[in-house]
Structure formats: structure tokens, C-alpha cells
PDB file of N, CA and C in Angstrom:
ATOM      1  N   MET A   1      75.564  -6.707 -40.067  1.00  0.00           N
ATOM      2  CA  MET A   1      74.140  -6.603 -40.323  1.00  0.00           C
ATOM      3  C   MET A   1      73.566  -8.009 -40.448  1.00  0.00           C
ATOM      4  N   PRO A   2      72.624  -8.376 -39.598  1.00  0.00           N
ATOM      5  CA  PRO A   2      72.022  -9.701 -39.718  1.00  0.00           C
ATOM      6  C   PRO A   2      71.158  -9.807 -40.974  1.00  0.00           C
ATOM      7  N   THR A   3      71.258 -10.967 -41.608  1.00  0.00           N
ATOM      8  CA  THR A   3      70.451 -11.259 -42.792  1.00  0.00           C
ATOM      9  C   THR A   3      69.809 -12.616 -42.606  1.00  0.00           C
ATOM     10  N   GLU A   4      68.531 -12.686 -42.904  1.00  0.00           N
ATOM     11  CA  GLU A   4      67.776 -13.923 -42.752  1.00  0.00           C
ATOM     12  C   GLU A   4      67.285 -14.380 -44.120  1.00  0.00           C
ATOM     13  N   LEU A   5      67.545 -15.636 -44.424  1.00  0.00           N
ATOM     14  CA  LEU A   5      67.065 -16.277 -45.645  1.00  0.00           C
ATOM     15  C   LEU A   5      65.722 -16.925 -45.343  1.00  0.00           C
ATOM     16  N   HIS A   6      64.740 -16.633 -46.183  1.00  0.00           N
ATOM     17  CA  HIS A   6      63.411 -17.235 -46.056  1.00  0.00           C
ATOM     18  C   HIS A   6      63.167 -18.090 -47.289  1.00  0.00           C
ATOM     19  N   ILE A   7      62.796 -19.338 -47.072  1.00  0.00           N
ATOM     20  CA  ILE A   7      62.426 -20.239 -48.159  1.00  0.00           C
ATOM     21  C   ILE A   7      61.013 -20.730 -47.864  1.00  0.00           C
ATOM     22  N   TYR A   8      60.087 -20.364 -48.712  1.00  0.00           N
ATOM     23  CA  TYR A   8      58.698 -20.772 -48.547  1.00  0.00           C
ATOM     24  C   TYR A   8      58.332 -21.735 -49.669  1.00  0.00           C
ATOM     25  N   THR A   9      57.821 -22.893 -49.295  1.00  0.00           N
ATOM     26  CA  THR A   9      57.203 -23.772 -50.278  1.00  0.00           C
ATOM     27  C   THR A   9      55.743 -23.346 -50.355  1.00  0.00           C
ATOM     28  N   ILE A  10      55.312 -23.028 -51.550  1.00  0.00           N
ATOM     29  CA  ILE A  10      53.984 -22.445 -51.762  1.00  0.00           C
ATOM     30  C   ILE A  10      53.017 -23.526 -52.244  1.00  0.00           C
ATOM     31  N   ASN A  11      51.768 -23.405 -51.831  1.00  0.00           N
ATOM     32  CA  ASN A  11      50.744 -24.349 -52.278  1.00  0.00           C
ATOM     33  C   ASN A  11      50.725 -24.416 -53.804  1.00  0.00           C
ATOM     34  N   ARG A  12      50.557 -25.615 -54.306  1.00  0.00           N
ATOM     35  CA  ARG A  12      50.573 -25.852 -55.750  1.00  0.00           C
ATOM     36  C   ARG A  12      49.611 -24.903 -56.473  1.00  0.00           C
ATOM     37  N   GLY A  13      50.130 -24.281 -57.519  1.00  0.00           N
ATOM     38  CA  GLY A  13      49.323 -23.391 -58.342  1.00  0.00           C
ATOM     39  C   GLY A  13      49.200 -21.963 -57.830  1.00  0.00           C
ATOM     40  N   ALA A  14      49.828 -21.651 -56.698  1.00  0.00           N
ATOM     41  CA  ALA A  14      49.647 -20.326 -56.091  1.00  0.00           C
ATOM     42  C   ALA A  14      50.929 -19.496 -56.038  1.00  0.00           C
ATOM     43  N   LEU A  15      51.976 -19.929 -56.736  1.00  0.00           N
ATOM     44  CA  LEU A  15      53.273 -19.256 -56.623  1.00  0.00           C
ATOM     45  C   LEU A  15      53.209 -17.799 -57.083  1.00  0.00           C
ATOM     46  N   GLN A  16      52.649 -17.542 -58.232  1.00  0.00           N
ATOM     47  CA  GLN A  16      52.587 -16.163 -58.730  1.00  0.00           C
ATOM     48  C   GLN A  16      51.647 -15.301 -57.888  1.00  0.00           C
ATOM     49  N   GLU A  17      50.566 -15.883 -57.423  1.00  0.00           N
ATOM     50  CA  GLU A  17      49.644 -15.155 -56.543  1.00  0.00           C
ATOM     51  C   GLU A  17      50.364 -14.745 -55.263  1.00  0.00           C
ATOM     52  N   PHE A  18      51.117 -15.684 -54.681  1.00  0.00           N
ATOM     53  CA  PHE A  18      51.866 -15.359 -53.471  1.00  0.00           C
ATOM     54  C   PHE A  18      52.887 -14.261 -53.742  1.00  0.00           C
ATOM     55  N   ALA A  19      53.649 -14.400 -54.834  1.00  0.00           N
ATOM     56  CA  ALA A  19      54.692 -13.421 -55.158  1.00  0.00           C
ATOM     57  C   ALA A  19      54.105 -12.015 -55.292  1.00  0.00           C
ATOM     58  N   THR A  20      52.963 -11.913 -55.915  1.00  0.00           N
ATOM     59  CA  THR A  20      52.315 -10.609 -56.082  1.00  0.00           C
ATOM     60  C   THR A  20      51.878 -10.039 -54.738  1.00  0.00           C
ATOM     61  N   GLU A  21      51.248 -10.854 -53.903  1.00  0.00           N
ATOM     62  CA  GLU A  21      50.800 -10.384 -52.591  1.00  0.00           C
ATOM     63  C   GLU A  21      51.989 -10.013 -51.709  1.00  0.00           C
ATOM     64  N   TRP A  22      53.060 -10.799 -51.770  1.00  0.00           N
ATOM     65  CA  TRP A  22      54.269 -10.497 -50.997  1.00  0.00           C
ATOM     66  C   TRP A  22      54.846  -9.155 -51.443  1.00  0.00           C
ATOM     67  N   ARG A  23      54.985  -8.970 -52.753  1.00  0.00           N
ATOM     68  CA  ARG A  23      55.562  -7.736 -53.299  1.00  0.00           C
ATOM     69  C   ARG A  23      54.715  -6.515 -52.934  1.00  0.00           C
ATOM     70  N   ASP A  24      53.403  -6.656 -53.023  1.00  0.00           N
ATOM     71  CA  ASP A  24      52.516  -5.511 -52.823  1.00  0.00           C
ATOM     72  C   ASP A  24      52.224  -5.203 -51.359  1.00  0.00           C
ATOM     73  N   HIS A  25      52.348  -6.193 -50.473  1.00  0.00           N
ATOM     74  CA  HIS A  25      51.937  -5.987 -49.081  1.00  0.00           C
ATOM     75  C   HIS A  25      53.039  -6.267 -48.059  1.00  0.00           C
ATOM     76  N   ILE A  26      53.644  -7.434 -48.119  1.00  0.00           N
ATOM     77  CA  ILE A  26      54.629  -7.812 -47.104  1.00  0.00           C
ATOM     78  C   ILE A  26      55.903  -6.987 -47.230  1.00  0.00           C
ATOM     79  N   LYS A  27      56.428  -6.880 -48.429  1.00  0.00           N
ATOM     80  CA  LYS A  27      57.681  -6.136 -48.626  1.00  0.00           C
ATOM     81  C   LYS A  27      57.586  -4.699 -48.103  1.00  0.00           C
ATOM     82  N   PRO A  28      56.592  -3.890 -48.523  1.00  0.00           N
ATOM     83  CA  PRO A  28      56.542  -2.515 -48.013  1.00  0.00           C
ATOM     84  C   PRO A  28      56.287  -2.436 -46.508  1.00  0.00           C
ATOM     85  N   LEU A  29      55.535  -3.389 -45.968  1.00  0.00           N
ATOM     86  CA  LEU A  29      55.283  -3.375 -44.529  1.00  0.00           C
ATOM     87  C   LEU A  29      56.552  -3.716 -43.755  1.00  0.00           C
ATOM     88  N   ARG A  30      57.321  -4.673 -44.239  1.00  0.00           N
ATOM     89  CA  ARG A  30      58.611  -4.982 -43.609  1.00  0.00           C
ATOM     90  C   ARG A  30      59.516  -3.750 -43.625  1.00  0.00           C
ATOM     91  N   GLN A  31      59.537  -3.045 -44.743  1.00  0.00           N
ATOM     92  CA  GLN A  31      60.369  -1.852 -44.860  1.00  0.00           C
ATOM     93  C   GLN A  31      59.918  -0.776 -43.877  1.00  0.00           C
ATOM     94  N   LYS A  32      58.635  -0.671 -43.658  1.00  0.00           N
ATOM     95  CA  LYS A  32      58.106   0.300 -42.701  1.00  0.00           C
ATOM     96  C   LYS A  32      58.639   0.035 -41.296  1.00  0.00           C
ATOM     97  N   PHE A  33      58.919  -1.225 -40.984  1.00  0.00           N
ATOM     98  CA  PHE A  33      59.420  -1.588 -39.663  1.00  0.00           C
ATOM     99  C   PHE A  33      60.946  -1.637 -39.607  1.00  0.00           C
ATOM    100  N   GLY A  34      61.596  -1.003 -40.575  1.00  0.00           N
ATOM    101  CA  GLY A  34      63.044  -0.840 -40.535  1.00  0.00           C
ATOM    102  C   GLY A  34      63.851  -1.947 -41.170  1.00  0.00           C
ATOM    103  N   PHE A  35      63.191  -2.895 -41.788  1.00  0.00           N
ATOM    104  CA  PHE A  35      63.901  -3.995 -42.436  1.00  0.00           C
ATOM    105  C   PHE A  35      64.233  -3.629 -43.876  1.00  0.00           C
ATOM    106  N   ARG A  36      65.284  -4.234 -44.372  1.00  0.00           N
ATOM    107  CA  ARG A  36      65.629  -4.108 -45.787  1.00  0.00           C
ATOM    108  C   ARG A  36      65.328  -5.450 -46.443  1.00  0.00           C
ATOM    109  N   VAL A  37      64.562  -5.404 -47.503  1.00  0.00           N
ATOM    110  CA  VAL A  37      64.260  -6.608 -48.267  1.00  0.00           C
ATOM    111  C   VAL A  37      65.261  -6.656 -49.412  1.00  0.00           C
ATOM    112  N   ASP A  38      66.137  -7.651 -49.377  1.00  0.00           N
ATOM    113  CA  ASP A  38      67.248  -7.738 -50.318  1.00  0.00           C
ATOM    114  C   ASP A  38      66.890  -8.459 -51.607  1.00  0.00           C
ATOM    115  N   GLY A  39      65.628  -8.754 -51.797  1.00  0.00           N
ATOM    116  CA  GLY A  39      65.179  -9.381 -53.036  1.00  0.00           C
ATOM    117  C   GLY A  39      64.219 -10.514 -52.757  1.00  0.00           C
ATOM    118  N   GLY A  40      63.455 -10.848 -53.766  1.00  0.00           N
ATOM    119  CA  GLY A  40      62.534 -11.971 -53.704  1.00  0.00           C
ATOM    120  C   GLY A  40      62.534 -12.685 -55.041  1.00  0.00           C
ATOM    121  N   TRP A  41      62.548 -14.014 -55.007  1.00  0.00           N
ATOM    122  CA  TRP A  41      62.643 -14.814 -56.224  1.00  0.00           C
ATOM    123  C   TRP A  41      61.672 -15.982 -56.164  1.00  0.00           C
ATOM    124  N   THR A  42      61.162 -16.367 -57.325  1.00  0.00           N
ATOM    125  CA  THR A  42      60.365 -17.583 -57.426  1.00  0.00           C
ATOM    126  C   THR A  42      61.226 -18.685 -58.024  1.00  0.00           C
ATOM    127  N   VAL A  43      60.984 -19.906 -57.560  1.00  0.00           N
ATOM    128  CA  VAL A  43      61.649 -21.101 -58.092  1.00  0.00           C
ATOM    129  C   VAL A  43      60.527 -22.013 -58.576  1.00  0.00           C
ATOM    130  N   ALA A  44      60.179 -21.885 -59.840  1.00  0.00           N
ATOM    131  CA  ALA A  44      59.033 -22.616 -60.386  1.00  0.00           C
ATOM    132  C   ALA A  44      59.214 -24.126 -60.286  1.00  0.00           C
ATOM    133  N   ALA A  45      60.438 -24.613 -60.459  1.00  0.00           N
ATOM    134  CA  ALA A  45      60.696 -26.056 -60.453  1.00  0.00           C
ATOM    135  C   ALA A  45      60.347 -26.709 -59.121  1.00  0.00           C
ATOM    136  N   THR A  46      60.446 -25.941 -58.030  1.00  0.00           N
ATOM    137  CA  THR A  46      60.168 -26.502 -56.702  1.00  0.00           C
ATOM    138  C   THR A  46      58.979 -25.833 -56.023  1.00  0.00           C
ATOM    139  N   ASN A  47      58.308 -24.940 -56.749  1.00  0.00           N
ATOM    140  CA  ASN A  47      57.172 -24.200 -56.209  1.00  0.00           C
ATOM    141  C   ASN A  47      57.552 -23.459 -54.926  1.00  0.00           C
ATOM    142  N   GLN A  48      58.701 -22.783 -54.970  1.00  0.00           N
ATOM    143  CA  GLN A  48      59.198 -22.077 -53.795  1.00  0.00           C
ATOM    144  C   GLN A  48      59.378 -20.589 -54.067  1.00  0.00           C
ATOM    145  N   PHE A  49      59.287 -19.844 -52.991  1.00  0.00           N
ATOM    146  CA  PHE A  49      59.560 -18.412 -53.001  1.00  0.00           C
ATOM    147  C   PHE A  49      60.692 -18.191 -52.014  1.00  0.00           C
ATOM    148  N   VAL A  50      61.728 -17.478 -52.456  1.00  0.00           N
ATOM    149  CA  VAL A  50      62.930 -17.266 -51.650  1.00  0.00           C
ATOM    150  C   VAL A  50      63.160 -15.769 -51.523  1.00  0.00           C
ATOM    151  N   TRP A  51      63.486 -15.325 -50.309  1.00  0.00           N
ATOM    152  CA  TRP A  51      63.803 -13.909 -50.121  1.00  0.00           C
ATOM    153  C   TRP A  51      64.750 -13.720 -48.951  1.00  0.00           C
ATOM    154  N   PHE A  52      65.412 -12.557 -48.961  1.00  0.00           N
ATOM    155  CA  PHE A  52      66.361 -12.205 -47.913  1.00  0.00           C
ATOM    156  C   PHE A  52      65.866 -10.961 -47.192  1.00  0.00           C
ATOM    157  N   LEU A  53      66.017 -10.971 -45.873  1.00  0.00           N
ATOM    158  CA  LEU A  53      65.580  -9.875 -45.022  1.00  0.00           C
ATOM    159  C   LEU A  53      66.752  -9.451 -44.154  1.00  0.00           C
ATOM    160  N   SER A  54      67.062  -8.160 -44.139  1.00  0.00           N
ATOM    161  CA  SER A  54      68.186  -7.643 -43.352  1.00  0.00           C
ATOM    162  C   SER A  54      67.721  -6.493 -42.475  1.00  0.00           C
ATOM    163  N   HIS A  55      68.543  -6.207 -41.465  1.00  0.00           N
ATOM    164  CA  HIS A  55      68.271  -5.074 -40.586  1.00  0.00           C
ATOM    165  C   HIS A  55      69.601  -4.518 -40.112  1.00  0.00           C
ATOM    166  N   ASP A  56      69.722  -3.194 -40.128  1.00  0.00           N
ATOM    167  CA  ASP A  56      70.976  -2.556 -39.730  1.00  0.00           C
ATOM    168  C   ASP A  56      71.265  -2.676 -38.241  1.00  0.00           C
ATOM    169  N   ASP A  57      70.250  -2.898 -37.446  1.00  0.00           N
ATOM    170  CA  ASP A  57      70.398  -2.897 -35.993  1.00  0.00           C
ATOM    171  C   ASP A  57      70.151  -4.294 -35.430  1.00  0.00           C
ATOM    172  N   ALA A  58      71.225  -5.053 -35.276  1.00  0.00           N
ATOM    173  CA  ALA A  58      71.105  -6.433 -34.788  1.00  0.00           C
ATOM    174  C   ALA A  58      70.433  -6.494 -33.421  1.00  0.00           C
ATOM    175  N   ALA A  59      70.707  -5.514 -32.577  1.00  0.00           N
ATOM    176  CA  ALA A  59      70.163  -5.519 -31.220  1.00  0.00           C
ATOM    177  C   ALA A  59      68.643  -5.395 -31.208  1.00  0.00           C
ATOM    178  N   ASN A  60      68.086  -4.768 -32.231  1.00  0.00           N
ATOM    179  CA  ASN A  60      66.638  -4.561 -32.259  1.00  0.00           C
ATOM    180  C   ASN A  60      65.905  -5.442 -33.262  1.00  0.00           C
ATOM    181  N   TRP A  61      66.599  -6.424 -33.822  1.00  0.00           N
ATOM    182  CA  TRP A  61      65.961  -7.309 -34.807  1.00  0.00           C
ATOM    183  C   TRP A  61      64.692  -7.924 -34.224  1.00  0.00           C
ATOM    184  N   GLN A  62      64.841  -8.561 -33.077  1.00  0.00           N
ATOM    185  CA  GLN A  62      63.713  -9.285 -32.480  1.00  0.00           C
ATOM    186  C   GLN A  62      62.555  -8.349 -32.160  1.00  0.00           C
ATOM    187  N   ALA A  63      62.850  -7.185 -31.604  1.00  0.00           N
ATOM    188  CA  ALA A  63      61.790  -6.238 -31.249  1.00  0.00           C
ATOM    189  C   ALA A  63      61.067  -5.740 -32.496  1.00  0.00           C
ATOM    190  N   ASN A  64      61.816  -5.428 -33.540  1.00  0.00           N
ATOM    191  CA  ASN A  64      61.189  -4.958 -34.775  1.00  0.00           C
ATOM    192  C   ASN A  64      60.408  -6.069 -35.463  1.00  0.00           C
ATOM    193  N   ASN A  65      60.920  -7.289 -35.394  1.00  0.00           N
ATOM    194  CA  ASN A  65      60.212  -8.422 -35.981  1.00  0.00           C
ATOM    195  C   ASN A  65      58.889  -8.659 -35.250  1.00  0.00           C
ATOM    196  N   GLN A  66      58.944  -8.588 -33.933  1.00  0.00           N
ATOM    197  CA  GLN A  66      57.730  -8.768 -33.137  1.00  0.00           C
ATOM    198  C   GLN A  66      56.733  -7.641 -33.419  1.00  0.00           C
ATOM    199  N   ALA A  67      57.226  -6.414 -33.531  1.00  0.00           N
ATOM    200  CA  ALA A  67      56.347  -5.280 -33.834  1.00  0.00           C
ATOM    201  C   ALA A  67      55.670  -5.464 -35.189  1.00  0.00           C
ATOM    202  N   PHE A  68      56.410  -5.994 -36.157  1.00  0.00           N
ATOM    203  CA  PHE A  68      55.827  -6.270 -37.472  1.00  0.00           C
ATOM    204  C   PHE A  68      54.660  -7.246 -37.348  1.00  0.00           C
ATOM    205  N   TYR A  69      54.894  -8.384 -36.683  1.00  0.00           N
ATOM    206  CA  TYR A  69      53.851  -9.410 -36.591  1.00  0.00           C
ATOM    207  C   TYR A  69      52.658  -8.966 -35.751  1.00  0.00           C
ATOM    208  N   GLN A  70      52.885  -8.094 -34.773  1.00  0.00           N
ATOM    209  CA  GLN A  70      51.800  -7.647 -33.907  1.00  0.00           C
ATOM    210  C   GLN A  70      51.101  -6.391 -34.412  1.00  0.00           C
ATOM    211  N   SER A  71      51.587  -5.839 -35.504  1.00  0.00           N
ATOM    212  CA  SER A  71      51.007  -4.591 -36.012  1.00  0.00           C
ATOM    213  C   SER A  71      49.592  -4.816 -36.544  1.00  0.00           C
ATOM    214  N   ASP A  72      48.785  -3.784 -36.412  1.00  0.00           N
ATOM    215  CA  ASP A  72      47.429  -3.841 -36.955  1.00  0.00           C
ATOM    216  C   ASP A  72      47.458  -4.060 -38.462  1.00  0.00           C
ATOM    217  N   GLU A  73      48.429  -3.430 -39.129  1.00  0.00           N
ATOM    218  CA  GLU A  73      48.512  -3.572 -40.589  1.00  0.00           C
ATOM    219  C   GLU A  73      48.767  -5.018 -40.992  1.00  0.00           C
ATOM    220  N   ARG A  74      49.634  -5.710 -40.263  1.00  0.00           N
ATOM    221  CA  ARG A  74      49.920  -7.116 -40.585  1.00  0.00           C
ATOM    222  C   ARG A  74      48.700  -7.983 -40.297  1.00  0.00           C
ATOM    223  N   ARG A  75      48.062  -7.737 -39.178  1.00  0.00           N
ATOM    224  CA  ARG A  75      46.890  -8.535 -38.809  1.00  0.00           C
ATOM    225  C   ARG A  75      45.704  -8.305 -39.739  1.00  0.00           C
ATOM    226  N   ARG A  76      45.648  -7.111 -40.331  1.00  0.00           N
ATOM    227  CA  ARG A  76      44.512  -6.781 -41.209  1.00  0.00           C
ATOM    228  C   ARG A  76      44.728  -7.187 -42.658  1.00  0.00           C
ATOM    229  N   LEU A  77      45.885  -7.715 -42.994  1.00  0.00           N
ATOM    230  CA  LEU A  77      46.124  -8.104 -44.388  1.00  0.00           C
ATOM    231  C   LEU A  77      45.038  -9.074 -44.847  1.00  0.00           C
ATOM    232  N   SER A  78      44.399  -8.712 -45.912  1.00  0.00           N
ATOM    233  CA  SER A  78      43.333  -9.556 -46.431  1.00  0.00           C
ATOM    234  C   SER A  78      43.328  -9.462 -47.953  1.00  0.00           C
ATOM    235  N   PRO A  79      43.560 -10.578 -48.588  1.00  0.00           N
ATOM    236  CA  PRO A  79      43.824 -11.885 -47.988  1.00  0.00           C
ATOM    237  C   PRO A  79      45.234 -11.948 -47.417  1.00  0.00           C
ATOM    238  N   ASP A  80      45.405 -12.787 -46.426  1.00  0.00           N
ATOM    239  CA  ASP A  80      46.706 -12.965 -45.790  1.00  0.00           C
ATOM    240  C   ASP A  80      47.549 -13.891 -46.658  1.00  0.00           C
ATOM    241  N   PRO A  81      48.702 -13.420 -47.147  1.00  0.00           N
ATOM    242  CA  PRO A  81      49.539 -14.267 -48.004  1.00  0.00           C
ATOM    243  C   PRO A  81      49.974 -15.574 -47.330  1.00  0.00           C
ATOM    244  N   ALA A  82      49.999 -15.606 -45.999  1.00  0.00           N
ATOM    245  CA  ALA A  82      50.426 -16.812 -45.281  1.00  0.00           C
ATOM    246  C   ALA A  82      49.537 -18.008 -45.608  1.00  0.00           C
ATOM    247  N   ARG A  83      48.322 -17.766 -46.036  1.00  0.00           N
ATOM    248  CA  ARG A  83      47.410 -18.873 -46.358  1.00  0.00           C
ATOM    249  C   ARG A  83      47.927 -19.705 -47.519  1.00  0.00           C
ATOM    250  N   LEU A  84      48.830 -19.146 -48.308  1.00  0.00           N
ATOM    251  CA  LEU A  84      49.354 -19.830 -49.495  1.00  0.00           C
ATOM    252  C   LEU A  84      50.645 -20.596 -49.222  1.00  0.00           C
ATOM    253  N   ILE A  85      51.160 -20.501 -47.996  1.00  0.00           N
ATOM    254  CA  ILE A  85      52.440 -21.129 -47.659  1.00  0.00           C
ATOM    255  C   ILE A  85      52.202 -22.519 -47.076  1.00  0.00           C
ATOM    256  N   ALA A  86      52.852 -23.521 -47.679  1.00  0.00           N
ATOM    257  CA  ALA A  86      52.758 -24.894 -47.184  1.00  0.00           C
ATOM    258  C   ALA A  86      53.871 -25.205 -46.185  1.00  0.00           C
ATOM    259  N   ARG A  87      55.043 -24.592 -46.385  1.00  0.00           N
ATOM    260  CA  ARG A  87      56.191 -24.880 -45.518  1.00  0.00           C
ATOM    261  C   ARG A  87      57.089 -23.650 -45.442  1.00  0.00           C
ATOM    262  N   VAL A  88      57.631 -23.388 -44.242  1.00  0.00           N
ATOM    263  CA  VAL A  88      58.517 -22.249 -44.023  1.00  0.00           C
ATOM    264  C   VAL A  88      59.866 -22.740 -43.515  1.00  0.00           C
ATOM    265  N   GLU A  89      60.928 -22.210 -44.123  1.00  0.00           N
ATOM    266  CA  GLU A  89      62.286 -22.410 -43.619  1.00  0.00           C
ATOM    267  C   GLU A  89      62.906 -21.025 -43.474  1.00  0.00           C
ATOM    268  N   GLN A  90      63.570 -20.779 -42.343  1.00  0.00           N
ATOM    269  CA  GLN A  90      64.224 -19.495 -42.100  1.00  0.00           C
ATOM    270  C   GLN A  90      65.574 -19.760 -41.463  1.00  0.00           C
ATOM    271  N   TYR A  91      66.597 -19.086 -41.988  1.00  0.00           N
ATOM    272  CA  TYR A  91      67.957 -19.258 -41.484  1.00  0.00           C
ATOM    273  C   TYR A  91      68.676 -17.921 -41.501  1.00  0.00           C
ATOM    274  N   PHE A  92      69.405 -17.616 -40.435  1.00  0.00           N
ATOM    275  CA  PHE A  92      70.314 -16.480 -40.492  1.00  0.00           C
ATOM    276  C   PHE A  92      71.538 -16.930 -41.271  1.00  0.00           C
ATOM    277  N   VAL A  93      71.986 -16.080 -42.196  1.00  0.00           N
ATOM    278  CA  VAL A  93      73.114 -16.414 -43.058  1.00  0.00           C
ATOM    279  C   VAL A  93      74.227 -15.391 -42.854  1.00  0.00           C
ATOM    280  N   GLU A  94      75.436 -15.802 -43.188  1.00  0.00           N
ATOM    281  CA  GLU A  94      76.591 -14.917 -43.098  1.00  0.00           C
ATOM    282  C   GLU A  94      77.241 -14.812 -44.466  1.00  0.00           C
ATOM    283  N   SER A  95      77.523 -13.596 -44.872  1.00  0.00           N
ATOM    284  CA  SER A  95      78.142 -13.357 -46.169  1.00  0.00           C
ATOM    285  C   SER A  95      79.612 -13.766 -46.142  1.00  0.00           C
ATOM    286  N   VAL A  96      80.062 -14.323 -47.236  1.00  0.00           N
ATOM    287  CA  VAL A  96      81.489 -14.639 -47.386  1.00  0.00           C
ATOM    288  C   VAL A  96      82.146 -13.661 -48.356  1.00  0.00           C
ATOM    289  N   THR A  97      81.380 -12.688 -48.849  1.00  0.00           N
ATOM    290  CA  THR A  97      81.926 -11.739 -49.817  1.00  0.00           C
ATOM    291  C   THR A  97      82.057 -10.327 -49.271  1.00  0.00           C
ATOM    292  N   GLU A  98      81.391 -10.012 -48.157  1.00  0.00           N
ATOM    293  CA  GLU A  98      81.493  -8.664 -47.595  1.00  0.00           C
ATOM    294  C   GLU A  98      82.862  -8.459 -46.975  1.00  0.00           C
ATOM    295  N   GLU A  99      83.362  -7.247 -47.135  1.00  0.00           N
ATOM    296  CA  GLU A  99      84.676  -6.933 -46.565  1.00  0.00           C
ATOM    297  C   GLU A  99      84.542  -5.993 -45.405  1.00  0.00           C
TER     298      GLU A  99
END
């Protein structure tokens, strides 16, 4: 199962606002498109938001990701949580504990 680590540096003073908007809007919308959200965390010391995104179907990751971004629901998000992000880092990660 592919898992992607997302590290967002959030605009100063907006970390809790972003976390709330992500929890209330992005997380359920990602789940609607077949993704599993494995958690979301704030790092106050670095003004960052960290979360993991997984999908059971590696072959359809890209198609489902594209469908998410092109969906009317994603485009209509208002306010758009992306406005609060200063920097994005995304990496596919591999577990060393799964058997």
C-alpha cells in the first residue's frame, strides 16, 4: 500500500486555522476519493502540519489523486486551506515495521 508523507510549513499564526480546515474539509474529501488519512499532526515549534495519506490500490493512486484535485468539491472549497501553506514537501515512504 503506497503511503505519502506530507509536510506543510504553514504561514505564521495560521497553524490551528489550517489544522481545523484540513480536518473539516480536506480529510473527508480525500476519504471520499478512496484515500486513507493515517493521521494529522501540528508541530508548533516549526509551524508545520504533517500528515500521511495512503491508498489500497497503488495502480490507481495517480488517477484518484487527479480526480480529487479536479473535483468540483475541491475547487469550491472556500476558504481554500492551501492559501495558508507557505511550503509543501511530499514523499512516498516505506514502512520498516509492516510484516
